[in-house]
Amino acid sequence: MKRTQSGFTLIELIVVIVILGILAATIVPRFANVQIEARSAVVQGMEASVRSASSMYHGIKLALGTAAGTAVPANRFEEVAAAVDDVNFYPAGTATGIGAIVNDTSGDFTVACAGGTCTWTLNGAPTPANCAVSYTQAGAGAAPVIALPGNLGGC
């Protein structure tokens, strides 16, 4: 009578579990790194949005020929119903300036404006200070400063 084997032996089962453990130990850290890179990319995308909105407003302001400090009339920006405040032909660093132009339709960011600076902070970031974009309104004869934190790694 010949015996046939059905199922796995104990050694085969242990080998499979060890291999799965090794794979998990190498893949989990890479997955965590992908999350950091994804959050960093979202923050960099917001920076590009702020930079584009500021440049577009500046172009419209120059094309209209309105004086510096005079708000661009309502509906000159497609999604903005109210007049937008500006400083030196760029949006002001206020809720009625750049804060009114940059729309976070996804709700991924929280915006706070004070003292001529608006900051968009990514919601749910482990280190919010490392996941933010700041816009400081233009000074005399200069463009606004749009900046990311020095280290997006903790984002």
N, C-alpha and C. Protein backbone atom coordinates (compact mmCIF):
# COMPACT_ATOMS: atom_id res chain seq x y z
N MET A 1 0.81 -1.16 0.00
CA MET A 1 0.00 0.00 0.00
C MET A 1 0.88 1.25 0.00
N LYS A 2 0.56 2.14 -0.92
CA LYS A 2 1.34 3.35 -1.09
C LYS A 2 0.63 4.51 -0.39
N ARG A 3 1.39 5.25 0.38
CA ARG A 3 0.83 6.42 1.08
C ARG A 3 1.03 7.66 0.24
N THR A 4 -0.01 8.45 0.12
CA THR A 4 0.14 9.72 -0.58
C THR A 4 0.10 10.85 0.43
N GLN A 5 0.89 11.84 0.14
CA GLN A 5 0.98 12.99 1.05
C GLN A 5 -0.12 13.99 0.69
N SER A 6 -0.79 14.48 1.70
CA SER A 6 -1.77 15.53 1.45
C SER A 6 -1.45 16.70 2.37
N GLY A 7 -1.35 17.90 1.79
CA GLY A 7 -1.04 19.09 2.57
C GLY A 7 0.45 19.34 2.64
N PHE A 8 0.80 20.28 3.52
CA PHE A 8 2.20 20.67 3.69
C PHE A 8 2.81 19.97 4.89
N THR A 9 4.10 19.78 4.83
CA THR A 9 4.79 19.29 6.02
C THR A 9 5.05 20.49 6.91
N LEU A 10 5.40 20.24 8.14
CA LEU A 10 5.65 21.31 9.10
C LEU A 10 6.83 22.16 8.65
N ILE A 11 7.84 21.56 8.11
CA ILE A 11 9.03 22.30 7.64
C ILE A 11 8.66 23.21 6.47
N GLU A 12 7.89 22.72 5.54
CA GLU A 12 7.47 23.56 4.41
C GLU A 12 6.66 24.76 4.90
N LEU A 13 5.80 24.55 5.86
CA LEU A 13 5.00 25.63 6.41
C LEU A 13 5.88 26.67 7.09
N ILE A 14 6.85 26.25 7.85
CA ILE A 14 7.77 27.18 8.53
C ILE A 14 8.58 27.97 7.51
N VAL A 15 9.04 27.32 6.45
CA VAL A 15 9.82 28.01 5.41
C VAL A 15 8.96 29.09 4.75
N VAL A 16 7.72 28.79 4.44
CA VAL A 16 6.83 29.77 3.82
C VAL A 16 6.60 30.95 4.76
N ILE A 17 6.39 30.69 6.05
CA ILE A 17 6.19 31.77 7.02
C ILE A 17 7.43 32.65 7.14
N VAL A 18 8.61 32.05 7.15
CA VAL A 18 9.86 32.81 7.22
C VAL A 18 10.02 33.69 5.98
N ILE A 19 9.74 33.14 4.81
CA ILE A 19 9.86 33.93 3.57
C ILE A 19 8.87 35.10 3.59
N LEU A 20 7.64 34.87 4.02
CA LEU A 20 6.66 35.96 4.12
C LEU A 20 7.11 37.02 5.12
N GLY A 21 7.72 36.59 6.22
CA GLY A 21 8.23 37.54 7.21
C GLY A 21 9.34 38.41 6.64
N ILE A 22 10.24 37.81 5.87
CA ILE A 22 11.34 38.56 5.25
C ILE A 22 10.77 39.56 4.24
N LEU A 23 9.83 39.13 3.43
CA LEU A 23 9.21 40.04 2.46
C LEU A 23 8.51 41.20 3.16
N ALA A 24 7.78 40.91 4.23
CA ALA A 24 7.08 41.96 4.97
C ALA A 24 8.07 42.95 5.58
N ALA A 25 9.19 42.45 6.09
CA ALA A 25 10.18 43.33 6.71
C ALA A 25 10.83 44.26 5.70
N THR A 26 10.91 43.86 4.45
CA THR A 26 11.52 44.73 3.44
C THR A 26 10.50 45.63 2.76
N ILE A 27 9.24 45.22 2.68
CA ILE A 27 8.24 46.00 1.95
C ILE A 27 7.59 47.08 2.83
N VAL A 28 7.35 46.81 4.09
CA VAL A 28 6.67 47.77 4.96
C VAL A 28 7.42 49.10 5.05
N PRO A 29 8.74 49.13 5.26
CA PRO A 29 9.42 50.43 5.28
C PRO A 29 9.32 51.17 3.95
N ARG A 30 9.34 50.45 2.86
CA ARG A 30 9.20 51.10 1.56
C ARG A 30 7.81 51.69 1.40
N PHE A 31 6.80 51.02 1.91
CA PHE A 31 5.44 51.54 1.85
C PHE A 31 5.31 52.82 2.66
N ALA A 32 5.93 52.87 3.83
CA ALA A 32 5.90 54.08 4.65
C ALA A 32 6.59 55.23 3.92
N ASN A 33 7.68 54.94 3.22
CA ASN A 33 8.40 55.96 2.47
C ASN A 33 7.54 56.48 1.32
N VAL A 34 6.74 55.63 0.72
CA VAL A 34 5.86 56.04 -0.37
C VAL A 34 4.81 57.02 0.15
N GLN A 35 4.32 56.81 1.37
CA GLN A 35 3.35 57.74 1.96
C GLN A 35 3.98 59.12 2.15
N ILE A 36 5.21 59.17 2.62
CA ILE A 36 5.92 60.44 2.80
C ILE A 36 6.09 61.13 1.46
N GLU A 37 6.48 60.37 0.45
CA GLU A 37 6.66 60.95 -0.89
C GLU A 37 5.34 61.46 -1.45
N ALA A 38 4.25 60.75 -1.19
CA ALA A 38 2.94 61.19 -1.68
C ALA A 38 2.52 62.49 -1.02
N ARG A 39 2.69 62.58 0.31
CA ARG A 39 2.35 63.83 1.00
C ARG A 39 3.22 64.98 0.51
N SER A 40 4.51 64.71 0.31
CA SER A 40 5.42 65.75 -0.20
C SER A 40 4.98 66.22 -1.59
N ALA A 41 4.54 65.30 -2.43
CA ALA A 41 4.08 65.66 -3.77
C ALA A 41 2.82 66.52 -3.71
N VAL A 42 1.92 66.23 -2.78
CA VAL A 42 0.70 67.03 -2.63
C VAL A 42 1.06 68.45 -2.20
N VAL A 43 2.01 68.58 -1.28
CA VAL A 43 2.44 69.91 -0.82
C VAL A 43 3.12 70.66 -1.96
N GLN A 44 3.95 69.98 -2.73
CA GLN A 44 4.60 70.63 -3.87
C GLN A 44 3.58 71.06 -4.92
N GLY A 45 2.52 70.27 -5.08
CA GLY A 45 1.44 70.65 -5.99
C GLY A 45 0.73 71.91 -5.52
N MET A 46 0.51 72.03 -4.22
CA MET A 46 -0.10 73.25 -3.68
C MET A 46 0.82 74.45 -3.88
N GLU A 47 2.12 74.25 -3.72
CA GLU A 47 3.06 75.34 -3.96
C GLU A 47 2.95 75.82 -5.41
N ALA A 48 2.87 74.89 -6.35
CA ALA A 48 2.74 75.25 -7.76
C ALA A 48 1.42 75.99 -8.00
N SER A 49 0.36 75.59 -7.32
CA SER A 49 -0.93 76.27 -7.47
C SER A 49 -0.86 77.70 -6.97
N VAL A 50 -0.22 77.90 -5.82
CA VAL A 50 -0.08 79.24 -5.26
C VAL A 50 0.77 80.11 -6.18
N ARG A 51 1.86 79.54 -6.66
CA ARG A 51 2.76 80.28 -7.57
C ARG A 51 2.02 80.66 -8.86
N SER A 52 1.26 79.73 -9.42
CA SER A 52 0.52 80.00 -10.66
C SER A 52 -0.56 81.05 -10.44
N ALA A 53 -1.29 80.94 -9.33
CA ALA A 53 -2.34 81.92 -9.04
C ALA A 53 -1.76 83.32 -8.89
N SER A 54 -0.63 83.42 -8.22
CA SER A 54 0.02 84.72 -8.04
C SER A 54 0.47 85.29 -9.38
N SER A 55 1.07 84.46 -10.21
CA SER A 55 1.55 84.91 -11.53
C SER A 55 0.39 85.31 -12.44
N MET A 56 -0.69 84.52 -12.41
CA MET A 56 -1.85 84.85 -13.24
C MET A 56 -2.47 86.17 -12.80
N TYR A 57 -2.58 86.36 -11.51
CA TYR A 57 -3.14 87.62 -11.00
C TYR A 57 -2.26 88.79 -11.42
N HIS A 58 -0.96 88.62 -11.30
CA HIS A 58 -0.01 89.67 -11.69
C HIS A 58 -0.20 90.03 -13.17
N GLY A 59 -0.32 89.02 -14.02
CA GLY A 59 -0.53 89.26 -15.45
C GLY A 59 -1.83 89.98 -15.73
N ILE A 60 -2.91 89.56 -15.07
CA ILE A 60 -4.21 90.22 -15.25
C ILE A 60 -4.13 91.67 -14.78
N LYS A 61 -3.48 91.87 -13.65
CA LYS A 61 -3.34 93.22 -13.09
C LYS A 61 -2.61 94.14 -14.07
N LEU A 62 -1.53 93.65 -14.66
CA LEU A 62 -0.78 94.46 -15.62
C LEU A 62 -1.59 94.68 -16.90
N ALA A 63 -2.30 93.65 -17.34
CA ALA A 63 -3.09 93.78 -18.57
C ALA A 63 -4.24 94.78 -18.41
N LEU A 64 -4.84 94.81 -17.23
CA LEU A 64 -5.94 95.75 -16.99
C LEU A 64 -5.45 97.18 -16.82
N GLY A 65 -4.20 97.32 -16.43
CA GLY A 65 -3.65 98.66 -16.24
C GLY A 65 -4.17 99.36 -15.00
N THR A 66 -4.64 98.61 -14.02
CA THR A 66 -5.10 99.23 -12.78
C THR A 66 -3.92 99.59 -11.90
N ALA A 67 -4.10 100.56 -11.04
CA ALA A 67 -3.01 101.03 -10.17
C ALA A 67 -2.71 100.00 -9.09
N ALA A 68 -1.46 100.01 -8.63
CA ALA A 68 -1.07 99.12 -7.53
C ALA A 68 -1.90 99.46 -6.31
N GLY A 69 -2.32 98.44 -5.59
CA GLY A 69 -3.14 98.65 -4.40
C GLY A 69 -4.62 98.75 -4.69
N THR A 70 -4.99 98.81 -5.96
CA THR A 70 -6.40 98.83 -6.35
C THR A 70 -6.83 97.40 -6.63
N ALA A 71 -7.89 96.97 -6.00
CA ALA A 71 -8.34 95.59 -6.16
C ALA A 71 -8.80 95.34 -7.58
N VAL A 72 -8.47 94.14 -8.08
CA VAL A 72 -8.98 93.73 -9.40
C VAL A 72 -10.48 93.51 -9.25
N PRO A 73 -11.28 94.04 -10.16
CA PRO A 73 -12.73 93.91 -10.03
C PRO A 73 -13.19 92.46 -9.96
N ALA A 74 -14.35 92.27 -9.37
CA ALA A 74 -14.93 90.94 -9.25
C ALA A 74 -15.09 90.31 -10.63
N ASN A 75 -15.01 88.99 -10.67
CA ASN A 75 -15.19 88.17 -11.87
C ASN A 75 -14.09 88.32 -12.91
N ARG A 76 -12.99 88.97 -12.59
CA ARG A 76 -11.85 88.97 -13.50
C ARG A 76 -11.08 87.66 -13.35
N PHE A 77 -11.17 87.09 -12.18
CA PHE A 77 -10.66 85.75 -11.95
C PHE A 77 -11.88 84.86 -11.99
N GLU A 78 -11.84 83.81 -12.75
CA GLU A 78 -13.02 83.01 -13.04
C GLU A 78 -13.77 82.52 -11.81
N GLU A 79 -13.05 82.07 -10.78
CA GLU A 79 -13.73 81.47 -9.64
C GLU A 79 -13.87 82.42 -8.46
N VAL A 80 -13.49 83.67 -8.61
CA VAL A 80 -13.54 84.61 -7.50
C VAL A 80 -14.64 85.63 -7.78
N ALA A 81 -15.63 85.67 -6.90
CA ALA A 81 -16.76 86.57 -7.11
C ALA A 81 -16.50 87.96 -6.55
N ALA A 82 -15.62 88.08 -5.56
CA ALA A 82 -15.36 89.38 -4.94
C ALA A 82 -14.05 89.96 -5.46
N ALA A 83 -13.86 91.24 -5.21
CA ALA A 83 -12.61 91.89 -5.61
C ALA A 83 -11.45 91.28 -4.82
N VAL A 84 -10.28 91.21 -5.44
CA VAL A 84 -9.09 90.63 -4.81
C VAL A 84 -8.13 91.75 -4.46
N ASP A 85 -7.72 91.79 -3.19
CA ASP A 85 -6.78 92.82 -2.74
C ASP A 85 -5.37 92.49 -3.22
N ASP A 86 -4.58 93.55 -3.47
CA ASP A 86 -3.21 93.30 -3.90
C ASP A 86 -2.23 94.28 -3.29
N VAL A 87 -0.95 93.91 -3.40
CA VAL A 87 0.17 94.74 -2.97
C VAL A 87 1.20 94.68 -4.09
N ASN A 88 1.57 95.81 -4.64
CA ASN A 88 2.57 95.89 -5.71
C ASN A 88 2.24 94.98 -6.90
N PHE A 89 1.00 94.98 -7.32
CA PHE A 89 0.52 94.23 -8.48
C PHE A 89 0.47 92.71 -8.26
N TYR A 90 0.66 92.25 -7.05
CA TYR A 90 0.54 90.84 -6.70
C TYR A 90 -0.56 90.71 -5.66
N PRO A 91 -1.16 89.51 -5.52
CA PRO A 91 -2.19 89.34 -4.50
C PRO A 91 -1.63 89.62 -3.11
N ALA A 92 -2.43 90.25 -2.28
CA ALA A 92 -2.03 90.50 -0.89
C ALA A 92 -1.98 89.16 -0.14
N GLY A 93 -1.18 89.11 0.89
CA GLY A 93 -1.09 87.90 1.72
C GLY A 93 -2.19 87.87 2.75
N THR A 94 -3.43 87.94 2.28
CA THR A 94 -4.60 87.98 3.16
C THR A 94 -5.66 87.01 2.64
N ALA A 95 -6.70 86.82 3.45
CA ALA A 95 -7.80 85.95 3.03
C ALA A 95 -8.54 86.52 1.84
N THR A 96 -8.52 87.86 1.67
CA THR A 96 -9.19 88.49 0.53
C THR A 96 -8.22 88.75 -0.62
N GLY A 97 -6.98 88.29 -0.46
CA GLY A 97 -5.98 88.39 -1.52
C GLY A 97 -5.73 87.01 -2.09
N ILE A 98 -4.53 86.47 -1.82
CA ILE A 98 -4.17 85.14 -2.34
C ILE A 98 -5.09 84.06 -1.77
N GLY A 99 -5.58 84.26 -0.54
CA GLY A 99 -6.49 83.29 0.07
C GLY A 99 -7.79 83.13 -0.69
N ALA A 100 -8.23 84.21 -1.38
CA ALA A 100 -9.47 84.14 -2.16
C ALA A 100 -9.24 83.50 -3.53
N ILE A 101 -8.01 83.58 -4.02
CA ILE A 101 -7.72 83.06 -5.37
C ILE A 101 -7.44 81.56 -5.34
N VAL A 102 -6.66 81.12 -4.37
CA VAL A 102 -6.26 79.70 -4.30
C VAL A 102 -7.38 78.92 -3.62
N ASN A 103 -8.04 78.08 -4.38
CA ASN A 103 -9.14 77.28 -3.87
C ASN A 103 -8.68 75.85 -3.67
N ASP A 104 -8.77 75.37 -2.43
CA ASP A 104 -8.46 73.98 -2.13
C ASP A 104 -9.77 73.20 -2.16
N THR A 105 -10.18 72.83 -3.36
CA THR A 105 -11.48 72.15 -3.51
C THR A 105 -11.49 70.75 -2.91
N SER A 106 -10.31 70.15 -2.73
CA SER A 106 -10.26 68.80 -2.17
C SER A 106 -10.37 68.82 -0.65
N GLY A 107 -10.12 69.96 -0.02
CA GLY A 107 -10.16 70.05 1.44
C GLY A 107 -8.95 69.42 2.11
N ASP A 108 -7.85 69.25 1.37
CA ASP A 108 -6.65 68.63 1.93
C ASP A 108 -5.85 69.58 2.80
N PHE A 109 -6.08 70.88 2.67
CA PHE A 109 -5.26 71.87 3.37
C PHE A 109 -6.11 72.76 4.26
N THR A 110 -5.47 73.28 5.30
CA THR A 110 -6.05 74.31 6.15
C THR A 110 -5.25 75.57 5.89
N VAL A 111 -5.93 76.69 5.60
CA VAL A 111 -5.24 77.94 5.30
C VAL A 111 -5.42 78.90 6.46
N ALA A 112 -4.33 79.59 6.79
CA ALA A 112 -4.35 80.63 7.83
C ALA A 112 -3.59 81.83 7.29
N CYS A 113 -4.20 83.01 7.39
CA CYS A 113 -3.58 84.24 6.90
C CYS A 113 -3.45 85.24 8.05
N ALA A 114 -2.25 85.80 8.21
CA ALA A 114 -2.02 86.81 9.24
C ALA A 114 -0.74 87.57 8.90
N GLY A 115 -0.77 88.88 9.11
CA GLY A 115 0.44 89.69 8.95
C GLY A 115 1.04 89.67 7.56
N GLY A 116 0.23 89.55 6.53
CA GLY A 116 0.74 89.56 5.17
C GLY A 116 1.27 88.22 4.69
N THR A 117 1.03 87.16 5.46
CA THR A 117 1.47 85.82 5.08
C THR A 117 0.30 84.85 5.19
N CYS A 118 0.12 84.04 4.16
CA CYS A 118 -0.86 82.95 4.19
C CYS A 118 -0.10 81.64 4.17
N THR A 119 -0.55 80.69 4.97
CA THR A 119 0.09 79.38 5.03
C THR A 119 -0.96 78.29 4.84
N TRP A 120 -0.70 77.39 3.90
CA TRP A 120 -1.55 76.22 3.66
C TRP A 120 -0.85 75.03 4.28
N THR A 121 -1.50 74.37 5.24
CA THR A 121 -0.93 73.23 5.94
C THR A 121 -1.72 71.98 5.59
N LEU A 122 -1.01 70.91 5.23
CA LEU A 122 -1.66 69.66 4.86
C LEU A 122 -2.34 69.03 6.07
N ASN A 123 -3.62 68.75 5.95
CA ASN A 123 -4.37 68.11 7.05
C ASN A 123 -3.88 66.69 7.27
N GLY A 124 -3.77 66.30 8.53
CA GLY A 124 -3.38 64.94 8.87
C GLY A 124 -1.90 64.64 8.73
N ALA A 125 -1.08 65.66 8.53
CA ALA A 125 0.36 65.44 8.39
C ALA A 125 0.96 65.12 9.75
N PRO A 126 1.91 64.18 9.81
CA PRO A 126 2.53 63.85 11.10
C PRO A 126 3.28 65.03 11.69
N THR A 127 3.93 65.82 10.85
CA THR A 127 4.64 67.02 11.27
C THR A 127 4.11 68.18 10.42
N PRO A 128 3.06 68.86 10.87
CA PRO A 128 2.43 69.89 10.04
C PRO A 128 3.38 70.98 9.56
N ALA A 129 4.36 71.36 10.37
CA ALA A 129 5.30 72.41 9.96
C ALA A 129 6.11 72.01 8.73
N ASN A 130 6.31 70.71 8.53
CA ASN A 130 7.07 70.23 7.37
C ASN A 130 6.18 69.98 6.16
N CYS A 131 4.88 70.17 6.30
CA CYS A 131 3.93 69.93 5.21
C CYS A 131 3.11 71.18 4.96
N ALA A 132 3.79 72.27 4.68
CA ALA A 132 3.09 73.55 4.52
C ALA A 132 3.70 74.35 3.39
N VAL A 133 2.88 75.25 2.84
CA VAL A 133 3.32 76.20 1.82
C VAL A 133 3.01 77.59 2.36
N SER A 134 3.97 78.49 2.30
CA SER A 134 3.71 79.85 2.77
C SER A 134 3.84 80.85 1.63
N TYR A 135 3.00 81.87 1.70
CA TYR A 135 2.99 82.97 0.72
C TYR A 135 3.12 84.26 1.52
N THR A 136 4.22 84.97 1.29
CA THR A 136 4.42 86.27 1.93
C THR A 136 4.27 87.33 0.87
N GLN A 137 3.37 88.28 1.11
CA GLN A 137 3.05 89.27 0.08
C GLN A 137 4.28 90.05 -0.36
N ALA A 138 4.19 90.60 -1.55
CA ALA A 138 5.29 91.31 -2.18
C ALA A 138 5.70 92.53 -1.37
N GLY A 139 7.01 92.75 -1.32
CA GLY A 139 7.52 93.97 -0.72
C GLY A 139 7.70 95.01 -1.81
N ALA A 140 8.23 96.14 -1.46
CA ALA A 140 8.42 97.23 -2.42
C ALA A 140 9.34 96.78 -3.55
N GLY A 141 8.82 96.80 -4.78
CA GLY A 141 9.61 96.46 -5.95
C GLY A 141 10.04 95.01 -6.03
N ALA A 142 9.38 94.13 -5.31
CA ALA A 142 9.77 92.71 -5.30
C ALA A 142 8.54 91.83 -5.51
N ALA A 143 8.80 90.61 -5.89
CA ALA A 143 7.74 89.61 -6.05
C ALA A 143 7.46 88.98 -4.69
N PRO A 144 6.30 88.35 -4.53
CA PRO A 144 6.02 87.67 -3.26
C PRO A 144 6.95 86.48 -3.07
N VAL A 145 7.09 86.07 -1.82
CA VAL A 145 7.92 84.91 -1.50
C VAL A 145 6.99 83.73 -1.26
N ILE A 146 7.16 82.70 -2.07
CA ILE A 146 6.37 81.47 -1.95
C ILE A 146 7.35 80.38 -1.58
N ALA A 147 7.15 79.77 -0.41
CA ALA A 147 8.18 78.87 0.10
C ALA A 147 7.61 77.58 0.68
N LEU A 148 8.43 76.55 0.57
CA LEU A 148 8.19 75.27 1.23
C LEU A 148 9.13 75.20 2.43
N PRO A 149 8.84 74.34 3.41
CA PRO A 149 9.80 74.18 4.50
C PRO A 149 11.10 73.59 3.97
N GLY A 150 12.17 73.80 4.70
CA GLY A 150 13.47 73.30 4.26
C GLY A 150 13.54 71.79 4.16
N ASN A 151 12.70 71.09 4.94
CA ASN A 151 12.76 69.63 4.96
C ASN A 151 11.36 69.06 4.79
N LEU A 152 11.08 68.51 3.62
CA LEU A 152 9.80 67.84 3.40
C LEU A 152 9.84 66.39 3.86
N GLY A 153 11.00 65.93 4.31
CA GLY A 153 11.16 64.53 4.69
C GLY A 153 10.27 64.12 5.85
N GLY A 154 10.00 65.03 6.77
CA GLY A 154 9.14 64.70 7.90
C GLY A 154 7.67 64.84 7.58
N CYS A 155 7.38 65.14 6.33
CA CYS A 155 6.00 65.35 5.91
C CYS A 155 5.30 64.02 5.91
